[in-house]
Amino acid sequence: MLASILTLCGLILCFNSCGTQPNKLSVAGTLEPLPTDSAPSEVLEVIEQAERFHPSGIAILSDTLNDISVMSIEETDKASTDGYGVIVMKGAGSTTFPNISHARKPEAVYDNQNGNLWLTSNAVAGTGVNVDWLYQIRFDEENKASIAHIVNPYDIQQQLCQRLGYTIEGQDITLWDDTDKIATFTNTITDMGGFDDENPVWIGDQIAYDLTDPVPHLLVTPGIKFITGLVLTYDDTPTLTAPLTIDEDGTVSIGKLTVKAEE
């Protein structure tokens, strides 16, 4: 009899505990699969046939300690490059990457400890949209550079869609990394008919990187979709950040997601 009572109490506690768990929903993704960045054929021809490049006056990276610089090619002696073409120099070695876009202010940093040059390049841009590639570049014994891996923003989105969830209570939205609570923010927009009934929280239109440190940090800002809105809004949503690593086989790992501190 006592065993039956204890079992019943255990079941009641289990049901009550389960009932208090948040009903987390998964975020939706805006991005479709993206092809690798590539310059138009006419631009490639201009770069290949050029005898002289005219780099930008401002270097993407100027690391005098490690004797590394990254410059964008604004034009050649033939014509404009239409925003494509990057030159990477280390010591006496110089390597041109004609397919990398240098539009929208790319950034670069060199990780001397691991021998990685990290470079961002814009993949998709527009109103409320800023999506970047991340290139991992390495050097051989003659200081020639080569692309070891490219982080595709679509792959990042798909990884996060498996982890990032949300709950809604009134106008409060809580973001979750699996079972870990990240942050709660309050929606202040009241004139757009309320949250979208099907998918109110999306990611994909805001994927970038913080290269302040030698280890790149992913930056992702979720957007909110409303009933009457045609685009996502970011008025109240926080930017999430996480360290990012790439294994030798190209596997990308996203670390713990936290809220990026305001500058």
C-alpha atoms as a PDB file:
ATOM      1  CA  MET A   1       0.000   0.000   0.000  1.00  0.00           C
ATOM      2  CA  LEU A   2       2.793   2.382   0.969  1.00  0.00           C
ATOM      3  CA  ALA A   3       4.626   1.563  -2.262  1.00  0.00           C
ATOM      4  CA  SER A   4       1.501   2.372  -4.290  1.00  0.00           C
ATOM      5  CA  ILE A   5       1.114   5.738  -2.519  1.00  0.00           C
ATOM      6  CA  LEU A   6       4.765   6.593  -3.165  1.00  0.00           C
ATOM      7  CA  THR A   7       4.402   5.633  -6.828  1.00  0.00           C
ATOM      8  CA  LEU A   8       1.281   7.784  -7.186  1.00  0.00           C
ATOM      9  CA  CYS A   9       3.024  10.757  -5.542  1.00  0.00           C
ATOM     10  CA  GLY A  10       5.947  10.294  -7.883  1.00  0.00           C
ATOM     11  CA  LEU A  11       3.670  10.355 -10.916  1.00  0.00           C
ATOM     12  CA  ILE A  12       1.931  13.497  -9.680  1.00  0.00           C
ATOM     13  CA  LEU A  13       5.272  15.242  -9.167  1.00  0.00           C
ATOM     14  CA  CYS A  14       6.391  14.157 -12.628  1.00  0.00           C
ATOM     15  CA  PHE A  15       3.216  15.477 -14.287  1.00  0.00           C
ATOM     16  CA  ASN A  16       3.472  18.767 -12.401  1.00  0.00           C
ATOM     17  CA  SER A  17       7.127  19.125 -13.335  1.00  0.00           C
ATOM     18  CA  CYS A  18       6.438  18.359 -16.991  1.00  0.00           C
ATOM     19  CA  GLY A  19       3.600  20.836 -16.996  1.00  0.00           C
ATOM     20  CA  THR A  20       5.915  23.644 -15.930  1.00  0.00           C
ATOM     21  CA  GLN A  21       8.387  23.094 -18.775  1.00  0.00           C
ATOM     22  CA  PRO A  22       8.244  25.860 -21.410  1.00  0.00           C
ATOM     23  CA  ASN A  23       6.695  24.924 -24.728  1.00  0.00           C
ATOM     24  CA  LYS A  24       9.699  25.841 -26.832  1.00  0.00           C
ATOM     25  CA  LEU A  25       9.324  26.314 -30.569  1.00  0.00           C
ATOM     26  CA  SER A  26      12.160  26.276 -33.096  1.00  0.00           C
ATOM     27  CA  VAL A  27      13.133  29.411 -34.982  1.00  0.00           C
ATOM     28  CA  ALA A  28      12.635  29.464 -38.755  1.00  0.00           C
ATOM     29  CA  GLY A  29      15.358  30.197 -41.309  1.00  0.00           C
ATOM     30  CA  THR A  30      15.204  32.749 -44.127  1.00  0.00           C
ATOM     31  CA  LEU A  31      18.224  31.638 -46.182  1.00  0.00           C
ATOM     32  CA  GLU A  32      18.141  29.235 -49.098  1.00  0.00           C
ATOM     33  CA  PRO A  33      21.342  27.295 -49.976  1.00  0.00           C
ATOM     34  CA  LEU A  34      24.019  29.717 -51.194  1.00  0.00           C
ATOM     35  CA  PRO A  35      26.553  28.946 -53.945  1.00  0.00           C
ATOM     36  CA  THR A  36      30.196  29.730 -53.268  1.00  0.00           C
ATOM     37  CA  ASP A  37      31.003  33.371 -53.912  1.00  0.00           C
ATOM     38  CA  SER A  38      32.245  33.954 -57.451  1.00  0.00           C
ATOM     39  CA  ALA A  39      33.094  37.059 -59.451  1.00  0.00           C
ATOM     40  CA  PRO A  40      31.409  37.583 -62.851  1.00  0.00           C
ATOM     41  CA  SER A  41      33.383  36.159 -65.772  1.00  0.00           C
ATOM     42  CA  GLU A  42      34.138  39.601 -67.181  1.00  0.00           C
ATOM     43  CA  VAL A  43      35.617  40.691 -63.838  1.00  0.00           C
ATOM     44  CA  LEU A  44      37.753  37.558 -63.639  1.00  0.00           C
ATOM     45  CA  GLU A  45      39.044  38.306 -67.114  1.00  0.00           C
ATOM     46  CA  VAL A  46      39.934  41.868 -66.135  1.00  0.00           C
ATOM     47  CA  ILE A  47      41.842  40.676 -63.049  1.00  0.00           C
ATOM     48  CA  GLU A  48      43.629  37.856 -64.880  1.00  0.00           C
ATOM     49  CA  GLN A  49      44.785  40.127 -67.727  1.00  0.00           C
ATOM     50  CA  ALA A  50      45.803  43.054 -65.528  1.00  0.00           C
ATOM     51  CA  GLU A  51      49.438  44.061 -65.340  1.00  0.00           C
ATOM     52  CA  ARG A  52      48.861  46.341 -62.375  1.00  0.00           C
ATOM     53  CA  PHE A  53      46.359  46.429 -59.520  1.00  0.00           C
ATOM     54  CA  HIS A  54      45.147  49.570 -57.780  1.00  0.00           C
ATOM     55  CA  PRO A  55      44.424  48.554 -54.172  1.00  0.00           C
ATOM     56  CA  SER A  56      42.217  50.509 -51.838  1.00  0.00           C
ATOM     57  CA  GLY A  57      43.972  53.208 -49.862  1.00  0.00           C
ATOM     58  CA  ILE A  58      42.731  51.625 -46.611  1.00  0.00           C
ATOM     59  CA  ALA A  59      43.942  48.100 -45.852  1.00  0.00           C
ATOM     60  CA  ILE A  60      41.484  45.470 -44.694  1.00  0.00           C
ATOM     61  CA  LEU A  61      44.291  44.256 -42.422  1.00  0.00           C
ATOM     62  CA  SER A  62      47.733  45.673 -41.702  1.00  0.00           C
ATOM     63  CA  ASP A  63      49.480  43.409 -39.190  1.00  0.00           C
ATOM     64  CA  THR A  64      53.060  44.672 -39.006  1.00  0.00           C
ATOM     65  CA  LEU A  65      53.975  42.336 -36.147  1.00  0.00           C
ATOM     66  CA  ASN A  66      53.309  39.245 -38.310  1.00  0.00           C
ATOM     67  CA  ASP A  67      54.157  41.002 -41.612  1.00  0.00           C
ATOM     68  CA  ILE A  68      50.682  40.321 -43.034  1.00  0.00           C
ATOM     69  CA  SER A  69      48.379  42.640 -44.950  1.00  0.00           C
ATOM     70  CA  VAL A  70      45.086  42.238 -46.793  1.00  0.00           C
ATOM     71  CA  MET A  71      44.065  44.740 -49.478  1.00  0.00           C
ATOM     72  CA  SER A  72      41.014  45.052 -51.702  1.00  0.00           C
ATOM     73  CA  ILE A  73      41.470  45.621 -55.440  1.00  0.00           C
ATOM     74  CA  GLU A  74      39.435  48.659 -56.405  1.00  0.00           C
ATOM     75  CA  GLU A  75      40.473  48.617 -60.064  1.00  0.00           C
ATOM     76  CA  THR A  76      43.180  47.400 -62.436  1.00  0.00           C
ATOM     77  CA  ASP A  77      44.972  49.063 -65.322  1.00  0.00           C
ATOM     78  CA  LYS A  78      42.193  47.637 -67.487  1.00  0.00           C
ATOM     79  CA  ALA A  79      38.933  48.446 -65.653  1.00  0.00           C
ATOM     80  CA  SER A  80      37.039  48.397 -62.365  1.00  0.00           C
ATOM     81  CA  THR A  81      36.744  45.107 -60.472  1.00  0.00           C
ATOM     82  CA  ASP A  82      33.136  45.836 -59.454  1.00  0.00           C
ATOM     83  CA  GLY A  83      33.836  45.087 -55.813  1.00  0.00           C
ATOM     84  CA  TYR A  84      35.728  41.816 -56.289  1.00  0.00           C
ATOM     85  CA  GLY A  85      39.313  40.825 -55.681  1.00  0.00           C
ATOM     86  CA  VAL A  86      41.438  40.653 -52.535  1.00  0.00           C
ATOM     87  CA  ILE A  87      45.233  40.507 -52.230  1.00  0.00           C
ATOM     88  CA  VAL A  88      46.796  38.719 -49.245  1.00  0.00           C
ATOM     89  CA  MET A  89      50.473  39.411 -48.538  1.00  0.00           C
ATOM     90  CA  LYS A  90      52.763  37.742 -46.008  1.00  0.00           C
ATOM     91  CA  GLY A  91      56.420  38.635 -46.105  1.00  0.00           C
ATOM     92  CA  ALA A  92      57.504  38.456 -49.742  1.00  0.00           C
ATOM     93  CA  GLY A  93      54.556  36.271 -50.701  1.00  0.00           C
ATOM     94  CA  SER A  94      51.499  37.710 -52.450  1.00  0.00           C
ATOM     95  CA  THR A  95      48.303  35.863 -53.373  1.00  0.00           C
ATOM     96  CA  THR A  96      45.303  37.188 -55.264  1.00  0.00           C
ATOM     97  CA  PHE A  97      41.791  35.894 -54.598  1.00  0.00           C
ATOM     98  CA  PRO A  98      39.668  37.289 -57.455  1.00  0.00           C
ATOM     99  CA  ASN A  99      36.410  35.641 -56.344  1.00  0.00           C
ATOM    100  CA  ILE A 100      36.240  37.203 -52.884  1.00  0.00           C
ATOM    101  CA  SER A 101      34.019  40.257 -52.671  1.00  0.00           C
ATOM    102  CA  HIS A 102      35.282  43.282 -50.772  1.00  0.00           C
ATOM    103  CA  ALA A 103      31.958  45.124 -50.709  1.00  0.00           C
ATOM    104  CA  ARG A 104      30.484  46.322 -47.387  1.00  0.00           C
ATOM    105  CA  LYS A 105      33.761  46.619 -45.475  1.00  0.00           C
ATOM    106  CA  PRO A 106      35.246  43.139 -44.997  1.00  0.00           C
ATOM    107  CA  GLU A 107      37.337  42.477 -41.906  1.00  0.00           C
ATOM    108  CA  ALA A 108      40.362  40.288 -41.246  1.00  0.00           C
ATOM    109  CA  VAL A 109      42.485  39.134 -38.319  1.00  0.00           C
ATOM    110  CA  TYR A 110      45.525  36.854 -38.075  1.00  0.00           C
ATOM    111  CA  ASP A 111      45.748  34.162 -35.402  1.00  0.00           C
ATOM    112  CA  ASN A 112      49.496  33.746 -35.035  1.00  0.00           C
ATOM    113  CA  GLN A 113      49.200  30.875 -32.556  1.00  0.00           C
ATOM    114  CA  ASN A 114      47.277  28.655 -34.981  1.00  0.00           C
ATOM    115  CA  GLY A 115      48.411  30.165 -38.277  1.00  0.00           C
ATOM    116  CA  ASN A 116      44.930  31.168 -39.398  1.00  0.00           C
ATOM    117  CA  LEU A 117      43.996  34.303 -41.285  1.00  0.00           C
ATOM    118  CA  TRP A 118      40.270  34.942 -40.861  1.00  0.00           C
ATOM    119  CA  LEU A 119      38.518  37.076 -43.480  1.00  0.00           C
ATOM    120  CA  THR A 120      34.862  38.059 -43.805  1.00  0.00           C
ATOM    121  CA  SER A 121      33.119  38.806 -47.085  1.00  0.00           C
ATOM    122  CA  ASN A 122      29.544  39.868 -47.680  1.00  0.00           C
ATOM    123  CA  ALA A 123      27.244  37.217 -49.161  1.00  0.00           C
ATOM    124  CA  VAL A 124      23.826  38.926 -49.094  1.00  0.00           C
ATOM    125  CA  ALA A 125      23.002  42.564 -48.421  1.00  0.00           C
ATOM    126  CA  GLY A 126      19.930  44.753 -48.479  1.00  0.00           C
ATOM    127  CA  THR A 127      17.462  46.537 -46.236  1.00  0.00           C
ATOM    128  CA  GLY A 128      17.639  44.731 -42.905  1.00  0.00           C
ATOM    129  CA  VAL A 129      19.912  42.070 -44.433  1.00  0.00           C
ATOM    130  CA  ASN A 130      23.608  41.543 -43.717  1.00  0.00           C
ATOM    131  CA  VAL A 131      24.960  38.039 -44.303  1.00  0.00           C
ATOM    132  CA  ASP A 132      28.683  37.205 -44.412  1.00  0.00           C
ATOM    133  CA  TRP A 133      30.982  34.428 -45.521  1.00  0.00           C
ATOM    134  CA  LEU A 134      33.897  33.520 -43.272  1.00  0.00           C
ATOM    135  CA  TYR A 135      37.165  32.423 -44.904  1.00  0.00           C
ATOM    136  CA  GLN A 136      39.907  30.498 -43.118  1.00  0.00           C
ATOM    137  CA  ILE A 137      43.168  31.190 -44.965  1.00  0.00           C
ATOM    138  CA  ARG A 138      46.540  29.564 -44.321  1.00  0.00           C
ATOM    139  CA  PHE A 139      50.075  30.027 -45.618  1.00  0.00           C
ATOM    140  CA  ASP A 140      52.663  27.595 -46.979  1.00  0.00           C
ATOM    141  CA  GLU A 141      56.442  27.710 -46.420  1.00  0.00           C
ATOM    142  CA  GLU A 142      56.816  30.273 -49.203  1.00  0.00           C
ATOM    143  CA  ASN A 143      54.109  32.499 -47.650  1.00  0.00           C
ATOM    144  CA  LYS A 144      51.628  31.788 -50.421  1.00  0.00           C
ATOM    145  CA  ALA A 145      48.051  31.874 -49.138  1.00  0.00           C
ATOM    146  CA  SER A 146      45.278  29.388 -49.803  1.00  0.00           C
ATOM    147  CA  ILE A 147      41.710  29.007 -48.605  1.00  0.00           C
ATOM    148  CA  ALA A 148      41.514  26.140 -46.133  1.00  0.00           C
ATOM    149  CA  HIS A 149      37.765  26.372 -45.426  1.00  0.00           C
ATOM    150  CA  ILE A 150      34.783  28.586 -46.177  1.00  0.00           C
ATOM    151  CA  VAL A 151      31.969  28.924 -43.640  1.00  0.00           C
ATOM    152  CA  ASN A 152      28.679  29.073 -45.523  1.00  0.00           C
ATOM    153  CA  PRO A 153      26.035  31.193 -43.752  1.00  0.00           C
ATOM    154  CA  TYR A 154      23.305  28.764 -44.827  1.00  0.00           C
ATOM    155  CA  ASP A 155      25.073  25.965 -42.935  1.00  0.00           C
ATOM    156  CA  ILE A 156      25.318  28.221 -39.880  1.00  0.00           C
ATOM    157  CA  GLN A 157      21.596  28.937 -40.109  1.00  0.00           C
ATOM    158  CA  GLN A 158      20.743  25.248 -40.332  1.00  0.00           C
ATOM    159  CA  GLN A 159      22.857  24.422 -37.293  1.00  0.00           C
ATOM    160  CA  LEU A 160      21.213  27.143 -35.264  1.00  0.00           C
ATOM    161  CA  CYS A 161      17.717  26.116 -36.336  1.00  0.00           C
ATOM    162  CA  GLN A 162      18.411  22.795 -34.599  1.00  0.00           C
ATOM    163  CA  ARG A 163      19.447  24.539 -31.369  1.00  0.00           C
ATOM    164  CA  LEU A 164      17.759  27.917 -31.105  1.00  0.00           C
ATOM    165  CA  GLY A 165      14.220  27.957 -29.719  1.00  0.00           C
ATOM    166  CA  TYR A 166      11.851  30.472 -28.211  1.00  0.00           C
ATOM    167  CA  THR A 167       8.855  30.819 -25.922  1.00  0.00           C
ATOM    168  CA  ILE A 168       6.329  33.647 -25.894  1.00  0.00           C
ATOM    169  CA  GLU A 169       4.352  34.962 -22.935  1.00  0.00           C
ATOM    170  CA  GLY A 170       2.383  38.071 -23.746  1.00  0.00           C
ATOM    171  CA  GLN A 171       4.878  40.459 -25.340  1.00  0.00           C
ATOM    172  CA  ASP A 172       7.889  38.754 -23.739  1.00  0.00           C
ATOM    173  CA  ILE A 173       9.983  36.469 -25.935  1.00  0.00           C
ATOM    174  CA  THR A 174      12.563  34.158 -24.365  1.00  0.00           C
ATOM    175  CA  LEU A 175      15.351  32.673 -26.485  1.00  0.00           C
ATOM    176  CA  TRP A 176      16.759  29.248 -25.657  1.00  0.00           C
ATOM    177  CA  ASP A 177      19.889  27.353 -26.693  1.00  0.00           C
ATOM    178  CA  ASP A 178      18.458  23.861 -26.447  1.00  0.00           C
ATOM    179  CA  THR A 179      17.507  23.757 -22.731  1.00  0.00           C
ATOM    180  CA  ASP A 180      19.643  26.756 -21.713  1.00  0.00           C
ATOM    181  CA  LYS A 181      17.897  30.097 -21.373  1.00  0.00           C
ATOM    182  CA  ILE A 182      19.758  32.829 -23.276  1.00  0.00           C
ATOM    183  CA  ALA A 183      17.701  35.987 -22.782  1.00  0.00           C
ATOM    184  CA  THR A 184      14.216  37.458 -22.480  1.00  0.00           C
ATOM    185  CA  PHE A 185      13.238  40.634 -24.317  1.00  0.00           C
ATOM    186  CA  THR A 186       9.988  42.569 -24.600  1.00  0.00           C
ATOM    187  CA  ASN A 187       8.391  43.484 -27.899  1.00  0.00           C
ATOM    188  CA  THR A 188       7.450  47.168 -28.121  1.00  0.00           C
ATOM    189  CA  ILE A 189       5.816  47.174 -31.563  1.00  0.00           C
ATOM    190  CA  THR A 190       2.042  47.424 -31.202  1.00  0.00           C
ATOM    191  CA  ASP A 191       0.792  48.606 -34.601  1.00  0.00           C
ATOM    192  CA  MET A 192       1.516  45.563 -36.799  1.00  0.00           C
ATOM    193  CA  GLY A 193      -1.254  43.177 -35.778  1.00  0.00           C
ATOM    194  CA  GLY A 194       0.704  41.136 -33.269  1.00  0.00           C
ATOM    195  CA  PHE A 195       3.120  38.254 -33.798  1.00  0.00           C
ATOM    196  CA  ASP A 196       2.802  36.099 -36.897  1.00  0.00           C
ATOM    197  CA  ASP A 197       0.670  33.067 -36.083  1.00  0.00           C
ATOM    198  CA  GLU A 198       2.858  30.511 -37.862  1.00  0.00           C
ATOM    199  CA  ASN A 199       6.500  31.605 -37.491  1.00  0.00           C
ATOM    200  CA  PRO A 200       7.103  34.762 -35.447  1.00  0.00           C
ATOM    201  CA  VAL A 201      10.863  34.314 -34.852  1.00  0.00           C
ATOM    202  CA  TRP A 202      13.362  33.926 -37.709  1.00  0.00           C
ATOM    203  CA  ILE A 203      17.111  33.880 -38.251  1.00  0.00           C
ATOM    204  CA  GLY A 204      19.217  34.106 -41.408  1.00  0.00           C
ATOM    205  CA  ASP A 205      19.094  37.737 -42.508  1.00  0.00           C
ATOM    206  CA  GLN A 206      21.636  38.856 -39.905  1.00  0.00           C
ATOM    207  CA  ILE A 207      24.682  36.549 -39.782  1.00  0.00           C
ATOM    208  CA  ALA A 208      28.096  38.165 -39.332  1.00  0.00           C
ATOM    209  CA  TYR A 209      31.339  37.769 -37.375  1.00  0.00           C
ATOM    210  CA  ASP A 210      33.271  39.632 -34.720  1.00  0.00           C
ATOM    211  CA  LEU A 211      37.001  39.434 -35.505  1.00  0.00           C
ATOM    212  CA  THR A 212      38.132  41.506 -32.546  1.00  0.00           C
ATOM    213  CA  ASP A 213      39.914  38.439 -31.157  1.00  0.00           C
ATOM    214  CA  PRO A 214      41.975  35.848 -33.061  1.00  0.00           C
ATOM    215  CA  VAL A 215      39.149  33.352 -32.543  1.00  0.00           C
ATOM    216  CA  PRO A 216      36.130  34.424 -34.635  1.00  0.00           C
ATOM    217  CA  HIS A 217      32.820  34.949 -32.882  1.00  0.00           C
ATOM    218  CA  LEU A 218      29.555  34.417 -34.692  1.00  0.00           C
ATOM    219  CA  LEU A 219      26.990  37.242 -34.536  1.00  0.00           C
ATOM    220  CA  VAL A 220      23.332  36.370 -35.137  1.00  0.00           C
ATOM    221  CA  THR A 221      20.366  38.668 -34.639  1.00  0.00           C
ATOM    222  CA  PRO A 222      16.898  37.061 -34.713  1.00  0.00           C
ATOM    223  CA  GLY A 223      14.127  38.958 -36.474  1.00  0.00           C
ATOM    224  CA  ILE A 224      10.445  39.169 -35.556  1.00  0.00           C
ATOM    225  CA  LYS A 225       7.670  38.646 -38.092  1.00  0.00           C
ATOM    226  CA  PHE A 226       4.304  40.293 -37.509  1.00  0.00           C
ATOM    227  CA  ILE A 227       0.910  39.639 -39.058  1.00  0.00           C
ATOM    228  CA  THR A 228       0.946  42.775 -41.215  1.00  0.00           C
ATOM    229  CA  GLY A 229       4.709  43.067 -41.722  1.00  0.00           C
ATOM    230  CA  LEU A 230       6.385  42.262 -45.020  1.00  0.00           C
ATOM    231  CA  VAL A 231       9.893  42.208 -43.560  1.00  0.00           C
ATOM    232  CA  LEU A 232      11.463  41.120 -40.291  1.00  0.00           C
ATOM    233  CA  THR A 233      12.000  43.729 -37.590  1.00  0.00           C
ATOM    234  CA  TYR A 234      14.940  43.993 -35.205  1.00  0.00           C
ATOM    235  CA  ASP A 235      13.845  46.847 -32.933  1.00  0.00           C
ATOM    236  CA  ASP A 236      13.891  44.822 -29.719  1.00  0.00           C
ATOM    237  CA  THR A 237      15.841  41.636 -30.470  1.00  0.00           C
ATOM    238  CA  PRO A 238      19.323  41.123 -29.001  1.00  0.00           C
ATOM    239  CA  THR A 239      22.357  40.084 -31.011  1.00  0.00           C
ATOM    240  CA  LEU A 240      23.599  36.644 -30.029  1.00  0.00           C
ATOM    241  CA  THR A 241      27.250  35.652 -30.142  1.00  0.00           C
ATOM    242  CA  ALA A 242      29.216  32.421 -29.848  1.00  0.00           C
ATOM    243  CA  PRO A 243      32.826  31.342 -30.512  1.00  0.00           C
ATOM    244  CA  LEU A 244      33.283  29.407 -33.733  1.00  0.00           C
ATOM    245  CA  THR A 245      35.849  26.719 -34.518  1.00  0.00           C
ATOM    246  CA  ILE A 246      36.619  24.649 -37.608  1.00  0.00           C
ATOM    247  CA  ASP A 247      38.089  21.153 -37.441  1.00  0.00           C
ATOM    248  CA  GLU A 248      40.687  19.999 -39.962  1.00  0.00           C
ATOM    249  CA  ASP A 249      37.965  18.176 -41.902  1.00  0.00           C
ATOM    250  CA  GLY A 250      35.967  21.406 -42.208  1.00  0.00           C
ATOM    251  CA  THR A 251      33.398  20.640 -39.512  1.00  0.00           C
ATOM    252  CA  VAL A 252      32.125  23.912 -38.037  1.00  0.00           C
ATOM    253  CA  SER A 253      31.320  23.993 -34.327  1.00  0.00           C
ATOM    254  CA  ILE A 254      29.313  26.792 -32.719  1.00  0.00           C
ATOM    255  CA  GLY A 255      29.993  27.348 -29.026  1.00  0.00           C
ATOM    256  CA  LYS A 256      27.660  28.525 -26.286  1.00  0.00           C
ATOM    257  CA  LEU A 257      25.293  31.299 -27.363  1.00  0.00           C
ATOM    258  CA  THR A 258      25.163  34.422 -25.226  1.00  0.00           C
ATOM    259  CA  VAL A 259      23.906  37.983 -25.683  1.00  0.00           C
ATOM    260  CA  LYS A 260      26.498  40.290 -27.217  1.00  0.00           C
ATOM    261  CA  ALA A 261      27.379  43.103 -24.852  1.00  0.00           C
ATOM    262  CA  GLU A 262      26.359  46.555 -26.021  1.00  0.00           C
ATOM    263  CA  GLU A 263      29.260  48.772 -27.025  1.00  0.00           C
END
